[in-house]
Amino acid sequence: MEVINAAFAPTEAELAWARKVAAAVEAAGAAYRGVIVVDGKMVDKPVVDRALRTLGAAGEAAGGKA
């Protein structure tokens, strides 16, 4: 079972990206309206939601508001 869990767990690169997205949402605060810019790229709500799910799958608290 451990091998299967490891195969489907987010990679460190995926987690780093998800953390950046969550941090950008949190930094935007009340100004967040569903779209932010992360590393020069537009990130909209479905992508933010995916980032927060990635953090959740890894057992990390997602501070962003989706």
C-alpha atoms as a PDB file:
ATOM      1  CA  MET A   1       0.000   0.000   0.000  1.00  0.00           C
ATOM      2  CA  GLU A   2       2.879   2.379   0.760  1.00  0.00           C
ATOM      3  CA  VAL A   3       4.157   2.077  -2.811  1.00  0.00           C
ATOM      4  CA  ILE A   4       0.754   3.015  -4.203  1.00  0.00           C
ATOM      5  CA  ASN A   5       0.440   6.010  -1.881  1.00  0.00           C
ATOM      6  CA  ALA A   6       3.914   7.186  -2.851  1.00  0.00           C
ATOM      7  CA  ALA A   7       3.113   6.837  -6.555  1.00  0.00           C
ATOM      8  CA  PHE A   8       0.072   9.094  -6.283  1.00  0.00           C
ATOM      9  CA  ALA A   9       1.458  11.574  -3.750  1.00  0.00           C
ATOM     10  CA  PRO A  10       2.306  15.068  -5.015  1.00  0.00           C
ATOM     11  CA  THR A  11       5.953  15.591  -5.918  1.00  0.00           C
ATOM     12  CA  GLU A  12       8.061  18.166  -4.096  1.00  0.00           C
ATOM     13  CA  ALA A  13       7.887  20.405  -7.196  1.00  0.00           C
ATOM     14  CA  GLU A  14       4.078  20.180  -7.210  1.00  0.00           C
ATOM     15  CA  LEU A  15       3.980  21.019  -3.508  1.00  0.00           C
ATOM     16  CA  ALA A  16       6.330  23.982  -3.977  1.00  0.00           C
ATOM     17  CA  TRP A  17       4.089  25.333  -6.756  1.00  0.00           C
ATOM     18  CA  ALA A  18       0.956  24.810  -4.658  1.00  0.00           C
ATOM     19  CA  ARG A  19       2.579  26.619  -1.720  1.00  0.00           C
ATOM     20  CA  LYS A  20       3.417  29.584  -3.995  1.00  0.00           C
ATOM     21  CA  VAL A  21      -0.164  29.753  -5.235  1.00  0.00           C
ATOM     22  CA  ALA A  22      -1.604  29.540  -1.719  1.00  0.00           C
ATOM     23  CA  ALA A  23       0.816  32.233  -0.526  1.00  0.00           C
ATOM     24  CA  ALA A  24      -0.155  34.516  -3.418  1.00  0.00           C
ATOM     25  CA  VAL A  25      -3.853  34.112  -2.597  1.00  0.00           C
ATOM     26  CA  GLU A  26      -3.167  34.865   1.044  1.00  0.00           C
ATOM     27  CA  ALA A  27      -1.017  37.896   0.147  1.00  0.00           C
ATOM     28  CA  ALA A  28      -3.799  39.243  -2.070  1.00  0.00           C
ATOM     29  CA  GLY A  29      -6.124  39.180   0.924  1.00  0.00           C
ATOM     30  CA  ALA A  30      -9.417  40.973   0.344  1.00  0.00           C
ATOM     31  CA  ALA A  31      -8.242  41.996  -3.144  1.00  0.00           C
ATOM     32  CA  TYR A  32      -8.393  38.349  -4.323  1.00  0.00           C
ATOM     33  CA  ARG A  33     -11.190  38.061  -6.871  1.00  0.00           C
ATOM     34  CA  GLY A  34     -10.452  34.664  -8.369  1.00  0.00           C
ATOM     35  CA  VAL A  35      -7.368  35.571 -10.414  1.00  0.00           C
ATOM     36  CA  ILE A  36      -3.788  36.146  -9.272  1.00  0.00           C
ATOM     37  CA  VAL A  37      -0.356  36.194 -10.890  1.00  0.00           C
ATOM     38  CA  VAL A  38       2.256  33.645  -9.818  1.00  0.00           C
ATOM     39  CA  ASP A  39       5.696  33.649 -11.445  1.00  0.00           C
ATOM     40  CA  GLY A  40       4.382  35.961 -14.157  1.00  0.00           C
ATOM     41  CA  LYS A  41       1.508  33.652 -15.102  1.00  0.00           C
ATOM     42  CA  MET A  42      -2.195  34.189 -14.627  1.00  0.00           C
ATOM     43  CA  VAL A  43      -3.676  31.727 -12.146  1.00  0.00           C
ATOM     44  CA  ASP A  44      -7.464  31.566 -11.995  1.00  0.00           C
ATOM     45  CA  LYS A  45      -9.835  29.959  -9.503  1.00  0.00           C
ATOM     46  CA  PRO A  46      -9.818  26.391 -10.917  1.00  0.00           C
ATOM     47  CA  VAL A  47      -6.013  26.373 -10.757  1.00  0.00           C
ATOM     48  CA  VAL A  48      -6.053  27.847  -7.235  1.00  0.00           C
ATOM     49  CA  ASP A  49      -8.514  25.129  -6.225  1.00  0.00           C
ATOM     50  CA  ARG A  50      -6.189  22.461  -7.651  1.00  0.00           C
ATOM     51  CA  ALA A  51      -3.245  23.913  -5.714  1.00  0.00           C
ATOM     52  CA  LEU A  52      -5.232  23.860  -2.472  1.00  0.00           C
ATOM     53  CA  ARG A  53      -6.327  20.257  -3.124  1.00  0.00           C
ATOM     54  CA  THR A  54      -2.675  19.337  -3.733  1.00  0.00           C
ATOM     55  CA  LEU A  55      -1.727  20.792  -0.364  1.00  0.00           C
ATOM     56  CA  GLY A  56      -4.649  19.001   1.263  1.00  0.00           C
ATOM     57  CA  ALA A  57      -3.608  15.687  -0.272  1.00  0.00           C
ATOM     58  CA  ALA A  58      -0.175  16.169   1.263  1.00  0.00           C
ATOM     59  CA  GLY A  59      -1.710  16.919   4.638  1.00  0.00           C
ATOM     60  CA  GLU A  60      -0.684  20.579   4.577  1.00  0.00           C
ATOM     61  CA  ALA A  61      -3.007  23.328   5.694  1.00  0.00           C
ATOM     62  CA  ALA A  62      -4.037  25.542   2.821  1.00  0.00           C
ATOM     63  CA  GLY A  63      -4.340  29.100   4.038  1.00  0.00           C
ATOM     64  CA  GLY A  64      -5.757  30.455   0.796  1.00  0.00           C
ATOM     65  CA  LYS A  65      -9.386  31.265   0.210  1.00  0.00           C
ATOM     66  CA  ALA A  66     -10.708  29.574  -2.879  1.00  0.00           C
END
